[in-house]
N, C-alpha and C. Protein backbone atom coordinates (compact mmCIF):
# COMPACT_ATOMS: atom_id res chain seq x y z
N MET A 1 197.69 -80.44 96.37
CA MET A 1 198.93 -79.70 96.25
C MET A 1 199.81 -80.36 95.19
N LYS A 2 200.31 -79.56 94.25
CA LYS A 2 201.15 -80.09 93.19
C LYS A 2 202.49 -80.54 93.74
N LYS A 3 202.99 -81.65 93.20
CA LYS A 3 204.29 -82.17 93.60
C LYS A 3 205.40 -81.33 92.99
N ALA A 4 206.49 -81.22 93.71
CA ALA A 4 207.69 -80.57 93.18
C ALA A 4 208.59 -81.61 92.54
N GLU A 5 209.30 -81.20 91.50
CA GLU A 5 210.32 -82.05 90.89
C GLU A 5 211.60 -81.84 91.70
N VAL A 6 212.05 -82.86 92.39
CA VAL A 6 213.19 -82.73 93.29
C VAL A 6 214.45 -83.25 92.60
N ARG A 7 215.49 -82.40 92.58
CA ARG A 7 216.75 -82.77 91.96
C ARG A 7 217.88 -82.55 92.96
N VAL A 8 218.62 -83.61 93.27
CA VAL A 8 219.77 -83.52 94.16
C VAL A 8 221.02 -83.48 93.28
N LEU A 9 221.77 -82.39 93.37
CA LEU A 9 222.83 -82.10 92.41
C LEU A 9 224.14 -81.74 93.12
N ALA A 10 225.24 -81.95 92.41
CA ALA A 10 226.54 -81.53 92.93
C ALA A 10 226.66 -80.01 92.93
N ASP A 11 226.03 -79.35 91.97
CA ASP A 11 226.11 -77.90 91.86
C ASP A 11 224.71 -77.32 91.59
N PRO A 12 223.87 -77.26 92.62
CA PRO A 12 222.52 -76.71 92.42
C PRO A 12 222.52 -75.23 92.09
N TRP A 13 223.57 -74.50 92.52
CA TRP A 13 223.65 -73.07 92.21
C TRP A 13 223.73 -72.86 90.69
N ARG A 14 224.53 -73.67 90.03
CA ARG A 14 224.66 -73.56 88.58
C ARG A 14 223.35 -73.90 87.90
N ALA A 15 222.68 -74.94 88.37
CA ALA A 15 221.39 -75.32 87.79
C ALA A 15 220.37 -74.21 87.94
N ALA A 16 220.36 -73.56 89.09
CA ALA A 16 219.44 -72.43 89.29
C ALA A 16 219.80 -71.29 88.37
N ALA A 17 221.10 -71.00 88.24
CA ALA A 17 221.55 -69.92 87.37
C ALA A 17 221.13 -70.17 85.92
N GLU A 18 221.22 -71.41 85.48
CA GLU A 18 220.84 -71.72 84.10
C GLU A 18 219.35 -71.50 83.87
N LEU A 19 218.51 -71.85 84.85
CA LEU A 19 217.08 -71.62 84.71
C LEU A 19 216.76 -70.13 84.69
N VAL A 20 217.41 -69.39 85.56
CA VAL A 20 217.19 -67.93 85.61
C VAL A 20 217.67 -67.28 84.32
N ALA A 21 218.85 -67.66 83.85
CA ALA A 21 219.41 -67.06 82.63
C ALA A 21 218.53 -67.37 81.42
N ASP A 22 217.96 -68.56 81.38
CA ASP A 22 217.09 -68.93 80.26
C ASP A 22 215.86 -68.02 80.20
N VAL A 23 215.27 -67.74 81.36
CA VAL A 23 214.12 -66.84 81.39
C VAL A 23 214.54 -65.42 81.03
N ALA A 24 215.74 -65.01 81.47
CA ALA A 24 216.22 -63.67 81.14
C ALA A 24 216.37 -63.48 79.63
N ARG A 25 216.72 -64.53 78.93
CA ARG A 25 216.84 -64.44 77.46
C ARG A 25 215.47 -64.25 76.81
N ARG A 26 214.46 -64.86 77.39
CA ARG A 26 213.12 -64.85 76.79
C ARG A 26 212.29 -63.66 77.23
N GLY A 27 212.61 -63.11 78.40
CA GLY A 27 211.89 -61.94 78.86
C GLY A 27 210.76 -62.23 79.82
N ARG A 28 210.06 -61.16 80.18
CA ARG A 28 208.91 -61.14 81.08
C ARG A 28 209.32 -60.90 82.53
N HIS A 29 208.64 -61.55 83.48
CA HIS A 29 208.73 -61.17 84.89
C HIS A 29 209.41 -62.27 85.72
N VAL A 30 210.37 -61.85 86.56
CA VAL A 30 211.10 -62.77 87.43
C VAL A 30 211.06 -62.23 88.85
N ALA A 31 210.77 -63.10 89.82
CA ALA A 31 210.82 -62.73 91.23
C ALA A 31 212.05 -63.36 91.87
N LEU A 32 212.87 -62.54 92.50
CA LEU A 32 214.10 -63.01 93.12
C LEU A 32 213.98 -62.94 94.64
N SER A 33 214.84 -63.68 95.32
CA SER A 33 214.80 -63.75 96.77
C SER A 33 216.14 -63.33 97.34
N GLY A 34 216.24 -63.32 98.66
CA GLY A 34 217.49 -63.06 99.34
C GLY A 34 217.95 -64.32 100.05
N GLY A 35 218.72 -64.14 101.10
CA GLY A 35 219.21 -65.28 101.85
C GLY A 35 220.65 -65.61 101.51
N SER A 36 221.20 -66.54 102.28
CA SER A 36 222.63 -66.85 102.19
C SER A 36 223.00 -67.71 101.00
N THR A 37 222.03 -68.31 100.33
CA THR A 37 222.32 -69.30 99.29
C THR A 37 222.36 -68.73 97.89
N VAL A 38 221.55 -67.71 97.61
CA VAL A 38 221.26 -67.37 96.23
C VAL A 38 222.29 -66.50 95.53
N GLY A 39 223.11 -65.76 96.28
CA GLY A 39 224.06 -64.84 95.65
C GLY A 39 224.96 -65.51 94.63
N ARG A 40 225.42 -66.70 94.96
CA ARG A 40 226.27 -67.46 94.04
C ARG A 40 225.55 -67.76 92.73
N ALA A 41 224.27 -68.08 92.81
CA ALA A 41 223.49 -68.35 91.61
C ALA A 41 223.28 -67.09 90.78
N TYR A 42 223.05 -65.94 91.44
CA TYR A 42 222.86 -64.70 90.71
C TYR A 42 224.12 -64.31 89.94
N SER A 43 225.26 -64.45 90.57
CA SER A 43 226.52 -64.10 89.89
C SER A 43 226.73 -64.97 88.66
N ALA A 44 226.42 -66.26 88.79
CA ALA A 44 226.54 -67.17 87.65
C ALA A 44 225.55 -66.82 86.55
N ALA A 45 224.32 -66.43 86.94
CA ALA A 45 223.31 -66.07 85.95
C ALA A 45 223.73 -64.84 85.16
N ALA A 46 224.39 -63.88 85.82
CA ALA A 46 224.87 -62.68 85.13
C ALA A 46 225.93 -63.02 84.10
N GLU A 47 226.75 -64.01 84.39
CA GLU A 47 227.77 -64.44 83.44
C GLU A 47 227.13 -65.18 82.26
N LEU A 48 226.16 -66.02 82.55
CA LEU A 48 225.50 -66.80 81.50
C LEU A 48 224.67 -65.92 80.57
N GLN A 49 224.01 -64.91 81.14
CA GLN A 49 223.15 -64.02 80.35
C GLN A 49 223.32 -62.60 80.86
N PRO A 50 224.25 -61.83 80.28
CA PRO A 50 224.51 -60.47 80.77
C PRO A 50 223.51 -59.41 80.28
N ASP A 51 222.61 -59.79 79.38
CA ASP A 51 221.62 -58.84 78.86
C ASP A 51 220.25 -59.17 79.47
N TRP A 52 219.80 -58.32 80.37
CA TRP A 52 218.51 -58.53 81.03
C TRP A 52 217.50 -57.47 80.59
N SER A 53 217.69 -56.91 79.42
CA SER A 53 216.86 -55.78 78.99
C SER A 53 215.42 -56.18 78.70
N ARG A 54 215.13 -57.46 78.60
CA ARG A 54 213.76 -57.91 78.35
C ARG A 54 213.05 -58.37 79.62
N ILE A 55 213.71 -58.20 80.75
CA ILE A 55 213.20 -58.72 82.02
C ILE A 55 212.73 -57.60 82.94
N GLU A 56 211.64 -57.86 83.66
CA GLU A 56 211.25 -57.03 84.79
C GLU A 56 211.46 -57.84 86.06
N ILE A 57 212.23 -57.27 86.99
CA ILE A 57 212.56 -57.96 88.23
C ILE A 57 211.63 -57.52 89.35
N TRP A 58 211.17 -58.52 90.09
CA TRP A 58 210.38 -58.32 91.30
C TRP A 58 211.09 -59.02 92.45
N PHE A 59 210.56 -58.89 93.65
CA PHE A 59 211.16 -59.53 94.81
C PHE A 59 210.10 -60.37 95.53
N GLY A 60 210.44 -61.63 95.74
CA GLY A 60 209.50 -62.51 96.45
C GLY A 60 209.22 -62.02 97.85
N ASP A 61 210.22 -61.37 98.45
CA ASP A 61 210.04 -60.71 99.73
C ASP A 61 211.21 -59.77 99.95
N ASP A 62 211.05 -58.89 100.92
CA ASP A 62 212.17 -58.06 101.36
C ASP A 62 211.84 -57.52 102.74
N ARG A 63 212.89 -57.06 103.40
CA ARG A 63 212.73 -56.49 104.72
C ARG A 63 212.45 -54.98 104.59
N ALA A 64 211.75 -54.45 105.56
CA ALA A 64 211.40 -53.03 105.54
C ALA A 64 212.58 -52.22 106.06
N VAL A 65 213.61 -52.14 105.23
CA VAL A 65 214.85 -51.43 105.56
C VAL A 65 215.26 -50.62 104.34
N PRO A 66 216.14 -49.61 104.51
CA PRO A 66 216.64 -48.87 103.35
C PRO A 66 217.43 -49.78 102.40
N THR A 67 217.57 -49.36 101.16
CA THR A 67 218.21 -50.21 100.15
C THR A 67 219.70 -50.42 100.38
N ASP A 68 220.34 -49.57 101.20
CA ASP A 68 221.76 -49.76 101.48
C ASP A 68 222.00 -50.56 102.75
N ASP A 69 220.93 -51.02 103.40
CA ASP A 69 221.05 -51.82 104.61
C ASP A 69 221.55 -53.22 104.24
N GLU A 70 222.45 -53.77 105.04
CA GLU A 70 223.02 -55.08 104.73
C GLU A 70 221.98 -56.19 104.80
N ARG A 71 220.81 -55.92 105.41
CA ARG A 71 219.74 -56.92 105.49
C ARG A 71 218.79 -56.87 104.30
N SER A 72 219.01 -55.94 103.39
CA SER A 72 218.12 -55.73 102.25
C SER A 72 218.34 -56.77 101.15
N ASN A 73 217.27 -57.42 100.74
CA ASN A 73 217.37 -58.33 99.60
C ASN A 73 217.68 -57.56 98.31
N PHE A 74 217.13 -56.36 98.20
CA PHE A 74 217.46 -55.54 97.03
C PHE A 74 218.96 -55.30 96.95
N ARG A 75 219.58 -55.00 98.06
CA ARG A 75 221.03 -54.77 98.05
C ARG A 75 221.77 -56.03 97.61
N LEU A 76 221.37 -57.18 98.11
CA LEU A 76 222.01 -58.44 97.70
C LEU A 76 221.90 -58.65 96.20
N VAL A 77 220.71 -58.45 95.65
CA VAL A 77 220.50 -58.63 94.22
C VAL A 77 221.29 -57.61 93.41
N ARG A 78 221.35 -56.38 93.90
CA ARG A 78 222.13 -55.37 93.19
C ARG A 78 223.61 -55.75 93.13
N GLU A 79 224.16 -56.17 94.26
CA GLU A 79 225.59 -56.45 94.33
C GLU A 79 225.99 -57.72 93.59
N THR A 80 225.13 -58.75 93.62
CA THR A 80 225.50 -60.04 93.02
C THR A 80 225.01 -60.21 91.59
N LEU A 81 224.03 -59.40 91.18
CA LEU A 81 223.46 -59.55 89.83
C LEU A 81 223.44 -58.25 89.05
N LEU A 82 222.71 -57.26 89.54
CA LEU A 82 222.48 -56.05 88.74
C LEU A 82 223.76 -55.34 88.37
N ASP A 83 224.69 -55.23 89.31
CA ASP A 83 225.94 -54.52 89.05
C ASP A 83 226.85 -55.27 88.09
N ARG A 84 226.53 -56.51 87.78
CA ARG A 84 227.37 -57.34 86.92
C ARG A 84 226.82 -57.46 85.49
N LEU A 85 225.67 -56.86 85.23
CA LEU A 85 225.02 -57.02 83.93
C LEU A 85 225.54 -56.02 82.91
N ALA A 86 225.58 -56.46 81.65
CA ALA A 86 225.95 -55.56 80.56
C ALA A 86 224.77 -54.70 80.14
N ALA A 87 223.57 -55.24 80.25
CA ALA A 87 222.35 -54.50 79.92
C ALA A 87 221.37 -54.66 81.07
N ALA A 88 220.93 -53.55 81.63
CA ALA A 88 220.08 -53.56 82.81
C ALA A 88 218.67 -54.07 82.48
N PRO A 89 217.96 -54.55 83.50
CA PRO A 89 216.57 -54.97 83.29
C PRO A 89 215.70 -53.83 82.80
N ALA A 90 214.61 -54.19 82.14
CA ALA A 90 213.65 -53.18 81.69
C ALA A 90 213.06 -52.43 82.88
N ALA A 91 212.92 -53.11 84.00
CA ALA A 91 212.42 -52.47 85.22
C ALA A 91 212.84 -53.32 86.41
N VAL A 92 213.07 -52.65 87.53
CA VAL A 92 213.33 -53.32 88.80
C VAL A 92 212.30 -52.80 89.80
N HIS A 93 211.37 -53.65 90.19
CA HIS A 93 210.27 -53.26 91.06
C HIS A 93 210.64 -53.65 92.49
N ARG A 94 211.22 -52.73 93.22
CA ARG A 94 211.64 -53.08 94.57
C ARG A 94 210.51 -52.83 95.57
N VAL A 95 210.62 -53.48 96.71
CA VAL A 95 209.74 -53.20 97.84
C VAL A 95 210.23 -51.93 98.51
N LYS A 96 209.37 -50.95 98.66
CA LYS A 96 209.78 -49.66 99.23
C LYS A 96 209.70 -49.71 100.75
N GLY A 97 210.63 -50.47 101.31
CA GLY A 97 210.61 -50.75 102.74
C GLY A 97 210.80 -49.53 103.61
N GLU A 98 211.38 -48.47 103.05
CA GLU A 98 211.58 -47.25 103.84
C GLU A 98 210.25 -46.60 104.22
N LEU A 99 209.15 -47.01 103.57
CA LEU A 99 207.83 -46.48 103.90
C LEU A 99 207.20 -47.21 105.08
N GLY A 100 207.84 -48.27 105.54
CA GLY A 100 207.24 -49.14 106.54
C GLY A 100 206.57 -50.32 105.86
N ALA A 101 206.51 -51.45 106.54
CA ALA A 101 206.05 -52.69 105.92
C ALA A 101 204.60 -52.60 105.43
N ARG A 102 203.72 -52.01 106.21
CA ARG A 102 202.31 -52.00 105.82
C ARG A 102 202.07 -51.16 104.56
N GLU A 103 202.61 -49.96 104.54
CA GLU A 103 202.43 -49.11 103.37
C GLU A 103 203.14 -49.71 102.16
N ALA A 104 204.34 -50.23 102.37
CA ALA A 104 205.08 -50.85 101.27
C ALA A 104 204.31 -52.04 100.69
N ALA A 105 203.66 -52.82 101.56
CA ALA A 105 202.90 -53.98 101.10
C ALA A 105 201.70 -53.57 100.26
N VAL A 106 201.01 -52.51 100.70
CA VAL A 106 199.84 -52.01 99.94
C VAL A 106 200.28 -51.59 98.54
N ARG A 107 201.38 -50.86 98.46
CA ARG A 107 201.86 -50.39 97.16
C ARG A 107 202.36 -51.55 96.29
N TYR A 108 203.03 -52.50 96.92
CA TYR A 108 203.56 -53.62 96.16
C TYR A 108 202.44 -54.51 95.63
N ASP A 109 201.43 -54.73 96.45
CA ASP A 109 200.27 -55.50 96.02
C ASP A 109 199.62 -54.85 94.81
N ALA A 110 199.47 -53.54 94.83
CA ALA A 110 198.87 -52.83 93.70
C ALA A 110 199.74 -52.94 92.46
N ALA A 111 201.06 -52.83 92.63
CA ALA A 111 201.97 -52.90 91.48
C ALA A 111 201.93 -54.27 90.82
N LEU A 112 201.66 -55.31 91.62
CA LEU A 112 201.65 -56.68 91.09
C LEU A 112 200.36 -57.06 90.38
N GLU A 113 199.37 -56.18 90.40
CA GLU A 113 198.11 -56.51 89.74
C GLU A 113 198.34 -56.78 88.26
N GLY A 114 197.87 -57.89 87.77
CA GLY A 114 198.00 -58.25 86.36
C GLY A 114 199.32 -58.89 85.99
N VAL A 115 200.24 -59.05 86.96
CA VAL A 115 201.55 -59.64 86.68
C VAL A 115 201.51 -61.15 86.88
N THR A 116 202.03 -61.87 85.90
CA THR A 116 202.24 -63.31 86.04
C THR A 116 203.74 -63.57 85.96
N LEU A 117 204.27 -64.21 86.96
CA LEU A 117 205.70 -64.47 86.99
C LEU A 117 206.09 -65.60 86.05
N SER A 118 207.12 -65.36 85.25
CA SER A 118 207.68 -66.45 84.46
C SER A 118 208.46 -67.40 85.34
N LEU A 119 209.15 -66.83 86.33
CA LEU A 119 209.95 -67.62 87.25
C LEU A 119 210.03 -66.91 88.59
N ALA A 120 209.95 -67.68 89.66
CA ALA A 120 210.24 -67.18 91.01
C ALA A 120 211.31 -68.08 91.60
N LEU A 121 212.36 -67.48 92.13
CA LEU A 121 213.43 -68.23 92.78
C LEU A 121 213.31 -68.04 94.28
N ASN A 122 213.07 -69.13 95.00
CA ASN A 122 212.85 -69.09 96.45
C ASN A 122 213.90 -69.90 97.19
N GLY A 123 214.09 -69.56 98.43
CA GLY A 123 214.90 -70.37 99.33
C GLY A 123 214.01 -71.12 100.30
N LEU A 124 214.64 -71.78 101.26
CA LEU A 124 213.92 -72.54 102.28
C LEU A 124 214.71 -72.44 103.58
N GLY A 125 214.04 -72.03 104.66
CA GLY A 125 214.70 -71.93 105.94
C GLY A 125 214.64 -73.23 106.72
N PRO A 126 215.49 -73.41 107.72
CA PRO A 126 215.45 -74.62 108.54
C PRO A 126 214.12 -74.85 109.23
N ASP A 127 213.34 -73.78 109.43
CA ASP A 127 212.01 -73.92 110.03
C ASP A 127 210.93 -74.20 109.00
N GLY A 128 211.31 -74.29 107.72
CA GLY A 128 210.33 -74.58 106.67
C GLY A 128 209.75 -73.35 106.02
N HIS A 129 210.21 -72.15 106.40
CA HIS A 129 209.64 -70.95 105.77
C HIS A 129 210.24 -70.73 104.38
N THR A 130 209.50 -70.03 103.54
CA THR A 130 209.99 -69.59 102.24
C THR A 130 209.48 -68.18 102.01
N ALA A 131 210.24 -67.37 101.23
CA ALA A 131 209.99 -65.93 101.19
C ALA A 131 209.92 -65.44 102.65
N SER A 132 208.93 -64.63 102.99
CA SER A 132 208.72 -64.30 104.41
C SER A 132 207.39 -64.87 104.87
N LEU A 133 207.15 -66.11 104.48
CA LEU A 133 205.97 -66.87 104.90
C LEU A 133 206.43 -67.84 105.98
N PHE A 134 206.14 -67.52 107.23
CA PHE A 134 206.64 -68.27 108.37
C PHE A 134 205.60 -69.25 108.90
N PRO A 135 206.04 -70.25 109.66
CA PRO A 135 205.09 -71.25 110.17
C PRO A 135 203.89 -70.63 110.88
N GLY A 136 202.71 -71.03 110.45
CA GLY A 136 201.47 -70.57 111.05
C GLY A 136 201.05 -69.15 110.72
N ALA A 137 201.75 -68.48 109.81
CA ALA A 137 201.47 -67.07 109.51
C ALA A 137 200.11 -66.91 108.85
N PRO A 138 199.38 -65.83 109.18
CA PRO A 138 198.09 -65.57 108.53
C PRO A 138 198.21 -65.48 107.01
N ALA A 139 199.35 -65.01 106.51
CA ALA A 139 199.53 -64.86 105.05
C ALA A 139 199.38 -66.18 104.31
N LEU A 140 199.57 -67.30 104.99
CA LEU A 140 199.43 -68.60 104.33
C LEU A 140 197.99 -68.88 103.92
N ARG A 141 197.05 -68.16 104.52
CA ARG A 141 195.63 -68.34 104.19
C ARG A 141 195.12 -67.27 103.23
N GLU A 142 196.00 -66.37 102.79
CA GLU A 142 195.59 -65.27 101.91
C GLU A 142 195.22 -65.80 100.53
N ARG A 143 194.05 -65.43 100.05
CA ARG A 143 193.57 -65.91 98.74
C ARG A 143 193.27 -64.78 97.76
N ARG A 144 193.52 -63.54 98.16
CA ARG A 144 193.19 -62.42 97.29
C ARG A 144 194.40 -61.52 97.02
N ARG A 145 195.06 -61.09 98.08
CA ARG A 145 196.18 -60.17 97.92
C ARG A 145 197.42 -60.89 97.38
N ARG A 146 198.20 -60.14 96.63
CA ARG A 146 199.42 -60.67 96.02
C ARG A 146 200.65 -60.44 96.89
N ALA A 147 200.58 -59.45 97.78
CA ALA A 147 201.68 -59.16 98.70
C ALA A 147 201.09 -58.61 99.99
N VAL A 148 201.72 -58.96 101.10
CA VAL A 148 201.24 -58.52 102.41
C VAL A 148 202.44 -58.21 103.31
N ALA A 149 202.19 -57.46 104.37
CA ALA A 149 203.21 -57.26 105.40
C ALA A 149 203.33 -58.52 106.24
N ALA A 150 204.53 -58.78 106.73
CA ALA A 150 204.78 -59.98 107.52
C ALA A 150 205.65 -59.63 108.72
N GLU A 151 205.28 -60.16 109.88
CA GLU A 151 206.10 -59.97 111.07
C GLU A 151 207.22 -61.00 111.07
N PRO A 152 208.41 -60.62 111.53
CA PRO A 152 209.53 -61.55 111.53
C PRO A 152 209.33 -62.67 112.55
N ALA A 153 209.80 -63.85 112.22
CA ALA A 153 209.75 -64.98 113.14
C ALA A 153 211.16 -65.47 113.47
N LEU A 154 212.17 -64.77 112.96
CA LEU A 154 213.56 -65.10 113.23
C LEU A 154 214.39 -63.87 112.94
N GLU A 155 215.64 -63.90 113.35
CA GLU A 155 216.53 -62.77 113.09
C GLU A 155 216.77 -62.62 111.59
N PRO A 156 216.96 -61.39 111.10
CA PRO A 156 216.87 -60.12 111.84
C PRO A 156 215.43 -59.73 112.13
N TRP A 157 215.23 -59.14 113.29
CA TRP A 157 213.88 -58.85 113.77
C TRP A 157 213.37 -57.54 113.18
N VAL A 158 213.09 -57.54 111.91
CA VAL A 158 212.52 -56.37 111.25
C VAL A 158 211.31 -56.80 110.45
N PRO A 159 210.27 -55.97 110.39
CA PRO A 159 209.08 -56.29 109.59
C PRO A 159 209.46 -56.50 108.12
N ARG A 160 208.62 -57.23 107.41
CA ARG A 160 208.91 -57.60 106.03
C ARG A 160 207.68 -57.43 105.15
N VAL A 161 207.91 -57.53 103.86
CA VAL A 161 206.83 -57.61 102.87
C VAL A 161 207.08 -58.88 102.06
N THR A 162 206.04 -59.65 101.83
CA THR A 162 206.21 -60.91 101.12
C THR A 162 205.11 -61.13 100.10
N MET A 163 205.45 -61.76 99.00
CA MET A 163 204.42 -62.29 98.11
C MET A 163 203.69 -63.41 98.84
N THR A 164 202.47 -63.64 98.45
CA THR A 164 201.63 -64.65 99.09
C THR A 164 201.64 -65.95 98.29
N PRO A 165 201.20 -67.06 98.91
CA PRO A 165 201.05 -68.31 98.13
C PRO A 165 200.18 -68.12 96.90
N HIS A 166 199.18 -67.26 97.01
CA HIS A 166 198.29 -66.95 95.89
C HIS A 166 199.07 -66.40 94.70
N MET A 167 200.03 -65.50 94.96
CA MET A 167 200.85 -64.92 93.90
C MET A 167 201.80 -65.97 93.33
N PHE A 168 202.46 -66.72 94.18
CA PHE A 168 203.40 -67.73 93.71
C PHE A 168 202.70 -68.83 92.90
N ALA A 169 201.46 -69.15 93.24
CA ALA A 169 200.75 -70.25 92.59
C ALA A 169 200.57 -70.03 91.10
N ALA A 170 200.51 -68.77 90.68
CA ALA A 170 200.32 -68.46 89.25
C ALA A 170 201.63 -68.45 88.48
N ALA A 171 202.77 -68.54 89.16
CA ALA A 171 204.06 -68.50 88.47
C ALA A 171 204.21 -69.69 87.53
N GLU A 172 204.74 -69.42 86.36
CA GLU A 172 204.95 -70.50 85.40
C GLU A 172 205.93 -71.53 85.96
N LEU A 173 206.97 -71.05 86.63
CA LEU A 173 207.97 -71.93 87.23
C LEU A 173 208.41 -71.35 88.56
N LEU A 174 208.32 -72.16 89.60
CA LEU A 174 208.83 -71.81 90.92
C LEU A 174 210.01 -72.72 91.21
N VAL A 175 211.16 -72.11 91.49
CA VAL A 175 212.39 -72.86 91.75
C VAL A 175 212.81 -72.65 93.19
N TYR A 176 213.00 -73.74 93.90
CA TYR A 176 213.60 -73.70 95.23
C TYR A 176 215.08 -74.04 95.10
N LEU A 177 215.93 -73.23 95.69
CA LEU A 177 217.36 -73.51 95.77
C LEU A 177 217.70 -73.67 97.24
N VAL A 178 218.11 -74.90 97.62
CA VAL A 178 218.30 -75.21 99.04
C VAL A 178 219.61 -75.97 99.22
N THR A 179 220.44 -75.50 100.13
CA THR A 179 221.71 -76.15 100.40
C THR A 179 221.95 -76.24 101.90
N GLY A 180 222.69 -77.26 102.31
CA GLY A 180 223.11 -77.38 103.69
C GLY A 180 222.36 -78.43 104.48
N ALA A 181 223.11 -79.18 105.31
CA ALA A 181 222.52 -80.26 106.09
C ALA A 181 221.52 -79.75 107.12
N GLU A 182 221.68 -78.50 107.59
CA GLU A 182 220.77 -77.96 108.58
C GLU A 182 219.35 -77.78 108.04
N LYS A 183 219.19 -77.89 106.73
CA LYS A 183 217.87 -77.74 106.11
C LYS A 183 217.28 -79.08 105.67
N ALA A 184 217.95 -80.18 105.96
CA ALA A 184 217.51 -81.49 105.47
C ALA A 184 216.13 -81.86 105.97
N ASP A 185 215.84 -81.62 107.25
CA ASP A 185 214.53 -81.98 107.77
C ASP A 185 213.45 -81.11 107.16
N ALA A 186 213.74 -79.81 106.99
CA ALA A 186 212.77 -78.91 106.34
C ALA A 186 212.51 -79.35 104.90
N VAL A 187 213.56 -79.79 104.21
CA VAL A 187 213.39 -80.30 102.84
C VAL A 187 212.46 -81.51 102.84
N ARG A 188 212.67 -82.42 103.77
CA ARG A 188 211.81 -83.61 103.83
C ARG A 188 210.36 -83.21 104.06
N ARG A 189 210.13 -82.28 104.99
CA ARG A 189 208.76 -81.86 105.29
C ARG A 189 208.14 -81.08 104.14
N ALA A 190 208.94 -80.28 103.45
CA ALA A 190 208.41 -79.44 102.36
C ALA A 190 208.10 -80.22 101.11
N PHE A 191 208.89 -81.25 100.82
CA PHE A 191 208.77 -81.92 99.51
C PHE A 191 208.40 -83.40 99.59
N ALA A 192 208.37 -83.97 100.80
CA ALA A 192 207.99 -85.38 100.92
C ALA A 192 206.95 -85.62 101.99
N GLY A 193 206.60 -84.59 102.74
CA GLY A 193 205.62 -84.74 103.80
C GLY A 193 204.25 -84.23 103.41
N GLU A 194 203.34 -84.28 104.38
CA GLU A 194 201.99 -83.76 104.15
C GLU A 194 202.03 -82.22 104.21
N PRO A 195 201.43 -81.55 103.24
CA PRO A 195 201.42 -80.08 103.27
C PRO A 195 200.68 -79.56 104.50
N GLY A 196 201.21 -78.50 105.08
CA GLY A 196 200.55 -77.90 106.23
C GLY A 196 201.22 -76.61 106.64
N PRO A 197 200.54 -75.78 107.42
CA PRO A 197 201.06 -74.46 107.78
C PRO A 197 202.29 -74.50 108.69
N ALA A 198 202.59 -75.64 109.30
CA ALA A 198 203.81 -75.75 110.10
C ALA A 198 205.06 -75.71 109.22
N THR A 199 204.88 -76.04 107.94
CA THR A 199 205.98 -75.99 106.97
C THR A 199 205.50 -75.18 105.78
N PRO A 200 205.62 -73.86 105.81
CA PRO A 200 205.05 -73.03 104.76
C PRO A 200 205.46 -73.43 103.34
N ALA A 201 206.71 -73.83 103.15
CA ALA A 201 207.15 -74.20 101.79
C ALA A 201 206.36 -75.37 101.23
N SER A 202 205.76 -76.18 102.08
CA SER A 202 204.94 -77.29 101.58
C SER A 202 203.67 -76.80 100.93
N LEU A 203 203.29 -75.55 101.20
CA LEU A 203 202.07 -74.96 100.66
C LEU A 203 202.31 -74.02 99.49
N VAL A 204 203.57 -73.79 99.16
CA VAL A 204 203.90 -72.80 98.13
C VAL A 204 204.42 -73.53 96.90
N ARG A 205 203.63 -73.51 95.85
CA ARG A 205 203.98 -74.16 94.59
C ARG A 205 203.60 -73.24 93.44
N GLY A 206 204.33 -73.33 92.34
CA GLY A 206 203.95 -72.66 91.11
C GLY A 206 203.18 -73.62 90.22
N ARG A 207 202.92 -73.19 89.00
CA ARG A 207 202.28 -74.11 88.05
C ARG A 207 203.20 -75.30 87.78
N ARG A 208 204.51 -75.05 87.83
CA ARG A 208 205.52 -76.10 87.85
C ARG A 208 206.53 -75.71 88.92
N THR A 209 206.97 -76.68 89.70
CA THR A 209 207.90 -76.41 90.80
C THR A 209 209.07 -77.37 90.73
N ILE A 210 210.28 -76.81 90.82
CA ILE A 210 211.51 -77.60 90.83
C ILE A 210 212.28 -77.26 92.10
N ALA A 211 212.70 -78.28 92.84
CA ALA A 211 213.54 -78.08 94.01
C ALA A 211 214.95 -78.55 93.67
N LEU A 212 215.90 -77.63 93.73
CA LEU A 212 217.30 -77.91 93.45
C LEU A 212 218.04 -77.99 94.78
N LEU A 213 218.60 -79.14 95.10
CA LEU A 213 219.21 -79.40 96.39
C LEU A 213 220.64 -79.87 96.22
N ASP A 214 221.50 -79.50 97.20
CA ASP A 214 222.78 -80.19 97.25
C ASP A 214 222.60 -81.48 98.06
N GLU A 215 223.60 -82.32 98.09
CA GLU A 215 223.47 -83.63 98.73
C GLU A 215 223.16 -83.52 100.24
N PRO A 216 223.82 -82.62 100.99
CA PRO A 216 223.46 -82.50 102.41
C PRO A 216 221.99 -82.11 102.63
N ALA A 217 221.47 -81.19 101.82
CA ALA A 217 220.07 -80.76 101.99
C ALA A 217 219.10 -81.88 101.65
N GLY A 218 219.50 -82.76 100.73
CA GLY A 218 218.60 -83.83 100.29
C GLY A 218 218.73 -85.13 101.03
N GLN A 219 219.57 -85.18 102.06
CA GLN A 219 219.91 -86.46 102.69
C GLN A 219 218.77 -87.14 103.42
N ALA A 220 217.73 -86.41 103.83
CA ALA A 220 216.63 -87.01 104.57
C ALA A 220 215.49 -87.49 103.68
N LEU A 221 215.65 -87.33 102.35
CA LEU A 221 214.56 -87.72 101.46
C LEU A 221 214.49 -89.22 101.25
N GLY A 222 215.57 -89.94 101.52
CA GLY A 222 215.58 -91.39 101.37
C GLY A 222 215.83 -91.84 99.95
């Protein structure tokens, strides 16, 4: 398993925004995530690089809900990034969760054929999950499909669609953005412990992986 470059920073949101904005200037494919941490980084990225016309946006995961649902990652990205851009992305490939997780996953997997991500921005949960790859999930063993349906292991209790470790592994750059003391143990297990299915993020790496942490999230690394 490739090691992640771990950086403990005063402002990891800004660092993430700079990496995302740099890829937006150069173009190609970016996978974005949801969660409570990333919105601040998306807003900053829109300010740093308001022209996303060379980028195609994908989603590392999303819930099988309509796009106006408050639990939708697409909605979060639209409100914090897309609505703030001067030039829209060349394409936004959303998960069609209104079709149900299984059908949406089949279609998303097909759409991802031949796609190599320039950058994927992921979060990390206190249980060690990333995207919608939860501890012990069958998707952690997937070696062929690029996206699969995933059952929820925490609230909100709705089915999901997630990219697989296989898809993330081909990404040129995988960035983890993690903040908060409640995630410190998960950070230690994901980036300093032995890789294993109990901590899914320990198994998810790109060709290059950078973990951007605030001081509370990084406190257990020693």
